[in-house]
Amino acid sequence: MKREELLERLAEELGYDYISDLHIMNKYDDMLKILGDISPDEYSLGEWNSAVQYLLREEIVLESSRKAREYLMEILRNRH
């Protein structure tokens, strides 16, 4: 069974039909809880970086999965 991609997982757990719905996301507390429940090691560094770039619309590359998750969570905390 193929493992779900990180962005697909986030969209699904937030109740969105499409990954693109993450761009209009306003469920910051829910997203932070979901991210907090995901171990950085569950997804590759490339997948974490892709998620950060997609969600934040930033061209940034972080050097570890843990740092990518922490960066994403910090930005989301500051948005709400």
PDB file of N, CA and C in Angstrom:
ATOM      1  N   MET A   1       0.839  -1.181   0.000  1.00  0.00           N
ATOM      2  CA  MET A   1       0.000   0.000   0.000  1.00  0.00           C
ATOM      3  C   MET A   1       0.884   1.244   0.000  1.00  0.00           C
ATOM      4  N   LYS A   2       0.606   2.153  -0.884  1.00  0.00           N
ATOM      5  CA  LYS A   2       1.403   3.367  -1.012  1.00  0.00           C
ATOM      6  C   LYS A   2       1.086   4.324   0.124  1.00  0.00           C
ATOM      7  N   ARG A   3       2.134   4.873   0.705  1.00  0.00           N
ATOM      8  CA  ARG A   3       1.968   5.850   1.784  1.00  0.00           C
ATOM      9  C   ARG A   3       1.492   7.168   1.205  1.00  0.00           C
ATOM     10  N   GLU A   4       0.611   7.792   1.928  1.00  0.00           N
ATOM     11  CA  GLU A   4       0.053   9.071   1.513  1.00  0.00           C
ATOM     12  C   GLU A   4       1.131  10.157   1.600  1.00  0.00           C
ATOM     13  N   GLU A   5       1.158  11.058   0.632  1.00  0.00           N
ATOM     14  CA  GLU A   5       2.094  12.173   0.669  1.00  0.00           C
ATOM     15  C   GLU A   5       1.699  13.141   1.763  1.00  0.00           C
ATOM     16  N   LEU A   6       2.662  13.899   2.239  1.00  0.00           N
ATOM     17  CA  LEU A   6       2.438  14.812   3.351  1.00  0.00           C
ATOM     18  C   LEU A   6       1.322  15.813   3.056  1.00  0.00           C
ATOM     19  N   LEU A   7       1.360  16.469   1.914  1.00  0.00           N
ATOM     20  CA  LEU A   7       0.325  17.455   1.591  1.00  0.00           C
ATOM     21  C   LEU A   7      -1.054  16.808   1.481  1.00  0.00           C
ATOM     22  N   GLU A   8      -1.114  15.617   0.913  1.00  0.00           N
ATOM     23  CA  GLU A   8      -2.391  14.898   0.826  1.00  0.00           C
ATOM     24  C   GLU A   8      -2.919  14.589   2.220  1.00  0.00           C
ATOM     25  N   ARG A   9      -2.033  14.160   3.085  1.00  0.00           N
ATOM     26  CA  ARG A   9      -2.419  13.837   4.461  1.00  0.00           C
ATOM     27  C   ARG A   9      -2.962  15.076   5.177  1.00  0.00           C
ATOM     28  N   LEU A  10      -2.280  16.199   5.045  1.00  0.00           N
ATOM     29  CA  LEU A  10      -2.722  17.426   5.699  1.00  0.00           C
ATOM     30  C   LEU A  10      -4.102  17.846   5.193  1.00  0.00           C
ATOM     31  N   ALA A  11      -4.275  17.828   3.876  1.00  0.00           N
ATOM     32  CA  ALA A  11      -5.564  18.216   3.298  1.00  0.00           C
ATOM     33  C   ALA A  11      -6.671  17.286   3.791  1.00  0.00           C
ATOM     34  N   GLU A  12      -6.412  16.000   3.769  1.00  0.00           N
ATOM     35  CA  GLU A  12      -7.418  15.030   4.185  1.00  0.00           C
ATOM     36  C   GLU A  12      -7.774  15.205   5.662  1.00  0.00           C
ATOM     37  N   GLU A  13      -6.775  15.350   6.516  1.00  0.00           N
ATOM     38  CA  GLU A  13      -7.043  15.467   7.951  1.00  0.00           C
ATOM     39  C   GLU A  13      -7.742  16.782   8.296  1.00  0.00           C
ATOM     40  N   LEU A  14      -7.596  17.795   7.450  1.00  0.00           N
ATOM     41  CA  LEU A  14      -8.287  19.064   7.661  1.00  0.00           C
ATOM     42  C   LEU A  14      -9.681  19.075   7.028  1.00  0.00           C
ATOM     43  N   GLY A  15     -10.013  17.991   6.307  1.00  0.00           N
ATOM     44  CA  GLY A  15     -11.329  17.886   5.700  1.00  0.00           C
ATOM     45  C   GLY A  15     -11.452  18.561   4.347  1.00  0.00           C
ATOM     46  N   TYR A  16     -10.324  18.811   3.698  1.00  0.00           N
ATOM     47  CA  TYR A  16     -10.340  19.441   2.381  1.00  0.00           C
ATOM     48  C   TYR A  16     -10.372  18.377   1.293  1.00  0.00           C
ATOM     49  N   ASP A  17     -11.018  18.705   0.186  1.00  0.00           N
ATOM     50  CA  ASP A  17     -11.099  17.776  -0.937  1.00  0.00           C
ATOM     51  C   ASP A  17      -9.842  17.804  -1.802  1.00  0.00           C
ATOM     52  N   TYR A  18      -9.176  18.947  -1.836  1.00  0.00           N
ATOM     53  CA  TYR A  18      -8.029  19.123  -2.728  1.00  0.00           C
ATOM     54  C   TYR A  18      -6.858  19.735  -1.971  1.00  0.00           C
ATOM     55  N   ILE A  19      -5.657  19.391  -2.382  1.00  0.00           N
ATOM     56  CA  ILE A  19      -4.454  19.986  -1.800  1.00  0.00           C
ATOM     57  C   ILE A  19      -4.481  21.501  -1.977  1.00  0.00           C
ATOM     58  N   SER A  20      -4.993  21.968  -3.101  1.00  0.00           N
ATOM     59  CA  SER A  20      -5.026  23.409  -3.358  1.00  0.00           C
ATOM     60  C   SER A  20      -5.864  24.158  -2.314  1.00  0.00           C
ATOM     61  N   ASP A  21      -6.790  23.454  -1.651  1.00  0.00           N
ATOM     62  CA  ASP A  21      -7.581  24.090  -0.595  1.00  0.00           C
ATOM     63  C   ASP A  21      -6.711  24.508   0.586  1.00  0.00           C
ATOM     64  N   LEU A  22      -5.523  23.930   0.698  1.00  0.00           N
ATOM     65  CA  LEU A  22      -4.617  24.311   1.781  1.00  0.00           C
ATOM     66  C   LEU A  22      -4.201  25.777   1.669  1.00  0.00           C
ATOM     67  N   HIS A  23      -4.261  26.340   0.469  1.00  0.00           N
ATOM     68  CA  HIS A  23      -3.896  27.746   0.286  1.00  0.00           C
ATOM     69  C   HIS A  23      -4.923  28.698   0.884  1.00  0.00           C
ATOM     70  N   ILE A  24      -6.140  28.248   1.034  1.00  0.00           N
ATOM     71  CA  ILE A  24      -7.158  29.107   1.649  1.00  0.00           C
ATOM     72  C   ILE A  24      -7.390  28.698   3.104  1.00  0.00           C
ATOM     73  N   MET A  25      -6.490  27.886   3.597  1.00  0.00           N
ATOM     74  CA  MET A  25      -6.594  27.323   4.921  1.00  0.00           C
ATOM     75  C   MET A  25      -6.682  28.405   5.983  1.00  0.00           C
ATOM     76  N   ASN A  26      -7.642  28.230   6.884  1.00  0.00           N
ATOM     77  CA  ASN A  26      -7.762  29.126   8.022  1.00  0.00           C
ATOM     78  C   ASN A  26      -7.894  28.333   9.324  1.00  0.00           C
ATOM     79  N   LYS A  27      -7.598  27.063   9.235  1.00  0.00           N
ATOM     80  CA  LYS A  27      -7.672  26.180  10.406  1.00  0.00           C
ATOM     81  C   LYS A  27      -6.278  26.019  11.004  1.00  0.00           C
ATOM     82  N   TYR A  28      -5.700  27.131  11.427  1.00  0.00           N
ATOM     83  CA  TYR A  28      -4.315  27.111  11.882  1.00  0.00           C
ATOM     84  C   TYR A  28      -4.114  26.217  13.105  1.00  0.00           C
ATOM     85  N   ASP A  29      -5.011  26.290  14.069  1.00  0.00           N
ATOM     86  CA  ASP A  29      -4.862  25.455  15.264  1.00  0.00           C
ATOM     87  C   ASP A  29      -4.933  23.975  14.915  1.00  0.00           C
ATOM     88  N   ASP A  30      -5.863  23.623  14.009  1.00  0.00           N
ATOM     89  CA  ASP A  30      -5.977  22.230  13.579  1.00  0.00           C
ATOM     90  C   ASP A  30      -4.721  21.790  12.839  1.00  0.00           C
ATOM     91  N   MET A  31      -4.213  22.644  11.965  1.00  0.00           N
ATOM     92  CA  MET A  31      -3.003  22.315  11.212  1.00  0.00           C
ATOM     93  C   MET A  31      -1.816  22.131  12.167  1.00  0.00           C
ATOM     94  N   LEU A  32      -1.695  22.997  13.157  1.00  0.00           N
ATOM     95  CA  LEU A  32      -0.599  22.883  14.121  1.00  0.00           C
ATOM     96  C   LEU A  32      -0.696  21.580  14.906  1.00  0.00           C
ATOM     97  N   LYS A  33      -1.903  21.186  15.283  1.00  0.00           N
ATOM     98  CA  LYS A  33      -2.060  19.921  15.999  1.00  0.00           C
ATOM     99  C   LYS A  33      -1.668  18.744  15.121  1.00  0.00           C
ATOM    100  N   ILE A  34      -2.111  18.761  13.878  1.00  0.00           N
ATOM    101  CA  ILE A  34      -1.782  17.680  12.945  1.00  0.00           C
ATOM    102  C   ILE A  34      -0.278  17.605  12.753  1.00  0.00           C
ATOM    103  N   LEU A  35       0.345  18.742  12.499  1.00  0.00           N
ATOM    104  CA  LEU A  35       1.802  18.757  12.307  1.00  0.00           C
ATOM    105  C   LEU A  35       2.532  18.282  13.551  1.00  0.00           C
ATOM    106  N   GLY A  36       2.017  18.659  14.722  1.00  0.00           N
ATOM    107  CA  GLY A  36       2.631  18.223  15.974  1.00  0.00           C
ATOM    108  C   GLY A  36       2.550  16.723  16.178  1.00  0.00           C
ATOM    109  N   ASP A  37       1.536  16.101  15.591  1.00  0.00           N
ATOM    110  CA  ASP A  37       1.349  14.653  15.711  1.00  0.00           C
ATOM    111  C   ASP A  37       2.156  13.855  14.686  1.00  0.00           C
ATOM    112  N   ILE A  38       2.725  14.546  13.718  1.00  0.00           N
ATOM    113  CA  ILE A  38       3.500  13.871  12.674  1.00  0.00           C
ATOM    114  C   ILE A  38       4.980  13.933  13.041  1.00  0.00           C
ATOM    115  N   SER A  39       5.597  12.792  13.105  1.00  0.00           N
ATOM    116  CA  SER A  39       7.033  12.751  13.354  1.00  0.00           C
ATOM    117  C   SER A  39       7.761  13.255  12.108  1.00  0.00           C
ATOM    118  N   PRO A  40       8.780  14.084  12.291  1.00  0.00           N
ATOM    119  CA  PRO A  40       9.535  14.551  11.120  1.00  0.00           C
ATOM    120  C   PRO A  40      10.096  13.399  10.288  1.00  0.00           C
ATOM    121  N   ASP A  41      10.358  12.270  10.954  1.00  0.00           N
ATOM    122  CA  ASP A  41      10.944  11.119  10.268  1.00  0.00           C
ATOM    123  C   ASP A  41       9.944  10.332   9.418  1.00  0.00           C
ATOM    124  N   GLU A  42       8.655  10.657   9.530  1.00  0.00           N
ATOM    125  CA  GLU A  42       7.650   9.951   8.737  1.00  0.00           C
ATOM    126  C   GLU A  42       7.740  10.291   7.259  1.00  0.00           C
ATOM    127  N   TYR A  43       8.325  11.462   6.950  1.00  0.00           N
ATOM    128  CA  TYR A  43       8.431  11.914   5.563  1.00  0.00           C
ATOM    129  C   TYR A  43       9.859  12.351   5.280  1.00  0.00           C
ATOM    130  N   SER A  44      10.239  12.271   4.042  1.00  0.00           N
ATOM    131  CA  SER A  44      11.597  12.639   3.644  1.00  0.00           C
ATOM    132  C   SER A  44      11.807  14.147   3.760  1.00  0.00           C
ATOM    133  N   LEU A  45      13.061  14.532   3.802  1.00  0.00           N
ATOM    134  CA  LEU A  45      13.395  15.954   3.821  1.00  0.00           C
ATOM    135  C   LEU A  45      12.818  16.647   2.594  1.00  0.00           C
ATOM    136  N   GLY A  46      12.904  16.010   1.441  1.00  0.00           N
ATOM    137  CA  GLY A  46      12.362  16.589   0.214  1.00  0.00           C
ATOM    138  C   GLY A  46      10.874  16.840   0.306  1.00  0.00           C
ATOM    139  N   GLU A  47      10.151  15.914   0.929  1.00  0.00           N
ATOM    140  CA  GLU A  47       8.707  16.080   1.059  1.00  0.00           C
ATOM    141  C   GLU A  47       8.375  17.210   2.039  1.00  0.00           C
ATOM    142  N   TRP A  48       9.135  17.300   3.134  1.00  0.00           N
ATOM    143  CA  TRP A  48       8.928  18.406   4.077  1.00  0.00           C
ATOM    144  C   TRP A  48       9.225  19.747   3.408  1.00  0.00           C
ATOM    145  N   ASN A  49      10.336  19.821   2.683  1.00  0.00           N
ATOM    146  CA  ASN A  49      10.671  21.072   2.008  1.00  0.00           C
ATOM    147  C   ASN A  49       9.615  21.442   0.975  1.00  0.00           C
ATOM    148  N   SER A  50       9.113  20.463   0.248  1.00  0.00           N
ATOM    149  CA  SER A  50       8.057  20.726  -0.731  1.00  0.00           C
ATOM    150  C   SER A  50       6.803  21.258  -0.053  1.00  0.00           C
ATOM    151  N   ALA A  51       6.458  20.686   1.097  1.00  0.00           N
ATOM    152  CA  ALA A  51       5.279  21.141   1.836  1.00  0.00           C
ATOM    153  C   ALA A  51       5.469  22.581   2.316  1.00  0.00           C
ATOM    154  N   VAL A  52       6.645  22.889   2.857  1.00  0.00           N
ATOM    155  CA  VAL A  52       6.924  24.251   3.313  1.00  0.00           C
ATOM    156  C   VAL A  52       6.809  25.222   2.144  1.00  0.00           C
ATOM    157  N   GLN A  53       7.417  24.872   1.030  1.00  0.00           N
ATOM    158  CA  GLN A  53       7.394  25.751  -0.144  1.00  0.00           C
ATOM    159  C   GLN A  53       5.972  25.936  -0.663  1.00  0.00           C
ATOM    160  N   TYR A  54       5.206  24.869  -0.710  1.00  0.00           N
ATOM    161  CA  TYR A  54       3.843  24.944  -1.230  1.00  0.00           C
ATOM    162  C   TYR A  54       2.934  25.741  -0.302  1.00  0.00           C
ATOM    163  N   LEU A  55       2.978  25.428   0.975  1.00  0.00           N
ATOM    164  CA  LEU A  55       2.074  26.068   1.929  1.00  0.00           C
ATOM    165  C   LEU A  55       2.407  27.531   2.180  1.00  0.00           C
ATOM    166  N   LEU A  56       3.686  27.842   2.216  1.00  0.00           N
ATOM    167  CA  LEU A  56       4.103  29.204   2.542  1.00  0.00           C
ATOM    168  C   LEU A  56       4.432  30.035   1.315  1.00  0.00           C
ATOM    169  N   ARG A  57       4.473  29.355   0.163  1.00  0.00           N
ATOM    170  CA  ARG A  57       4.830  30.029  -1.092  1.00  0.00           C
ATOM    171  C   ARG A  57       6.167  30.741  -0.973  1.00  0.00           C
ATOM    172  N   GLU A  58       7.108  30.023  -0.400  1.00  0.00           N
ATOM    173  CA  GLU A  58       8.471  30.522  -0.218  1.00  0.00           C
ATOM    174  C   GLU A  58       9.443  29.562  -0.881  1.00  0.00           C
ATOM    175  N   GLU A  59      10.452  30.106  -1.490  1.00  0.00           N
ATOM    176  CA  GLU A  59      11.518  29.280  -2.050  1.00  0.00           C
ATOM    177  C   GLU A  59      12.593  29.133  -0.986  1.00  0.00           C
ATOM    178  N   ILE A  60      12.373  28.198  -0.090  1.00  0.00           N
ATOM    179  CA  ILE A  60      13.293  27.973   1.019  1.00  0.00           C
ATOM    180  C   ILE A  60      13.606  26.488   1.077  1.00  0.00           C
ATOM    181  N   VAL A  61      14.835  26.174   1.432  1.00  0.00           N
ATOM    182  CA  VAL A  61      15.246  24.782   1.596  1.00  0.00           C
ATOM    183  C   VAL A  61      15.875  24.667   2.977  1.00  0.00           C
ATOM    184  N   LEU A  62      15.300  23.813   3.784  1.00  0.00           N
ATOM    185  CA  LEU A  62      15.813  23.599   5.137  1.00  0.00           C
ATOM    186  C   LEU A  62      16.631  22.316   5.156  1.00  0.00           C
ATOM    187  N   GLU A  63      17.540  22.225   6.120  1.00  0.00           N
ATOM    188  CA  GLU A  63      18.515  21.127   6.065  1.00  0.00           C
ATOM    189  C   GLU A  63      18.109  19.850   6.780  1.00  0.00           C
ATOM    190  N   SER A  64      16.967  19.851   7.445  1.00  0.00           N
ATOM    191  CA  SER A  64      16.493  18.609   8.062  1.00  0.00           C
ATOM    192  C   SER A  64      14.971  18.612   8.112  1.00  0.00           C
ATOM    193  N   SER A  65      14.425  17.424   8.186  1.00  0.00           N
ATOM    194  CA  SER A  65      12.966  17.287   8.282  1.00  0.00           C
ATOM    195  C   SER A  65      12.457  17.958   9.550  1.00  0.00           C
ATOM    196  N   ARG A  66      13.191  17.805  10.635  1.00  0.00           N
ATOM    197  CA  ARG A  66      12.789  18.409  11.908  1.00  0.00           C
ATOM    198  C   ARG A  66      12.753  19.931  11.799  1.00  0.00           C
ATOM    199  N   LYS A  67      13.771  20.513  11.181  1.00  0.00           N
ATOM    200  CA  LYS A  67      13.804  21.971  11.029  1.00  0.00           C
ATOM    201  C   LYS A  67      12.700  22.461  10.096  1.00  0.00           C
ATOM    202  N   ALA A  68      12.398  21.695   9.074  1.00  0.00           N
ATOM    203  CA  ALA A  68      11.331  22.080   8.146  1.00  0.00           C
ATOM    204  C   ALA A  68       9.987  22.081   8.863  1.00  0.00           C
ATOM    205  N   ARG A  69       9.731  21.045   9.654  1.00  0.00           N
ATOM    206  CA  ARG A  69       8.470  20.983  10.406  1.00  0.00           C
ATOM    207  C   ARG A  69       8.393  22.131  11.416  1.00  0.00           C
ATOM    208  N   GLU A  70       9.480  22.368  12.143  1.00  0.00           N
ATOM    209  CA  GLU A  70       9.497  23.446  13.134  1.00  0.00           C
ATOM    210  C   GLU A  70       9.286  24.814  12.474  1.00  0.00           C
ATOM    211  N   TYR A  71       9.924  25.023  11.335  1.00  0.00           N
ATOM    212  CA  TYR A  71       9.786  26.297  10.617  1.00  0.00           C
ATOM    213  C   TYR A  71       8.330  26.506  10.192  1.00  0.00           C
ATOM    214  N   LEU A  72       7.746  25.479   9.600  1.00  0.00           N
ATOM    215  CA  LEU A  72       6.355  25.559   9.159  1.00  0.00           C
ATOM    216  C   LEU A  72       5.433  25.858  10.343  1.00  0.00           C
ATOM    217  N   MET A  73       5.636  25.170  11.441  1.00  0.00           N
ATOM    218  CA  MET A  73       4.785  25.375  12.613  1.00  0.00           C
ATOM    219  C   MET A  73       4.959  26.783  13.185  1.00  0.00           C
ATOM    220  N   GLU A  74       6.170  27.288  13.207  1.00  0.00           N
ATOM    221  CA  GLU A  74       6.410  28.632  13.726  1.00  0.00           C
ATOM    222  C   GLU A  74       5.716  29.697  12.882  1.00  0.00           C
ATOM    223  N   ILE A  75       5.803  29.554  11.571  1.00  0.00           N
ATOM    224  CA  ILE A  75       5.137  30.514  10.676  1.00  0.00           C
ATOM    225  C   ILE A  75       3.620  30.452  10.883  1.00  0.00           C
ATOM    226  N   LEU A  76       3.069  29.264  10.966  1.00  0.00           N
ATOM    227  CA  LEU A  76       1.620  29.111  11.154  1.00  0.00           C
ATOM    228  C   LEU A  76       1.169  29.681  12.505  1.00  0.00           C
ATOM    229  N   ARG A  77       1.971  29.496  13.546  1.00  0.00           N
ATOM    230  CA  ARG A  77       1.631  30.070  14.860  1.00  0.00           C
ATOM    231  C   ARG A  77       1.519  31.590  14.759  1.00  0.00           C
ATOM    232  N   ASN A  78       2.373  32.189  13.980  1.00  0.00           N
ATOM    233  CA  ASN A  78       2.401  33.651  13.849  1.00  0.00           C
ATOM    234  C   ASN A  78       1.323  34.192  12.916  1.00  0.00           C
ATOM    235  N   ARG A  79       0.628  33.331  12.197  1.00  0.00           N
ATOM    236  CA  ARG A  79      -0.394  33.778  11.250  1.00  0.00           C
ATOM    237  C   ARG A  79      -1.762  33.922  11.868  1.00  0.00           C
ATOM    238  N   HIS A  80      -1.974  33.352  13.005  1.00  0.00           N
ATOM    239  CA  HIS A  80      -3.321  33.456  13.588  1.00  0.00           C
ATOM    240  C   HIS A  80      -3.331  34.174  14.910  1.00  0.00           C
TER     241      HIS A  80
END
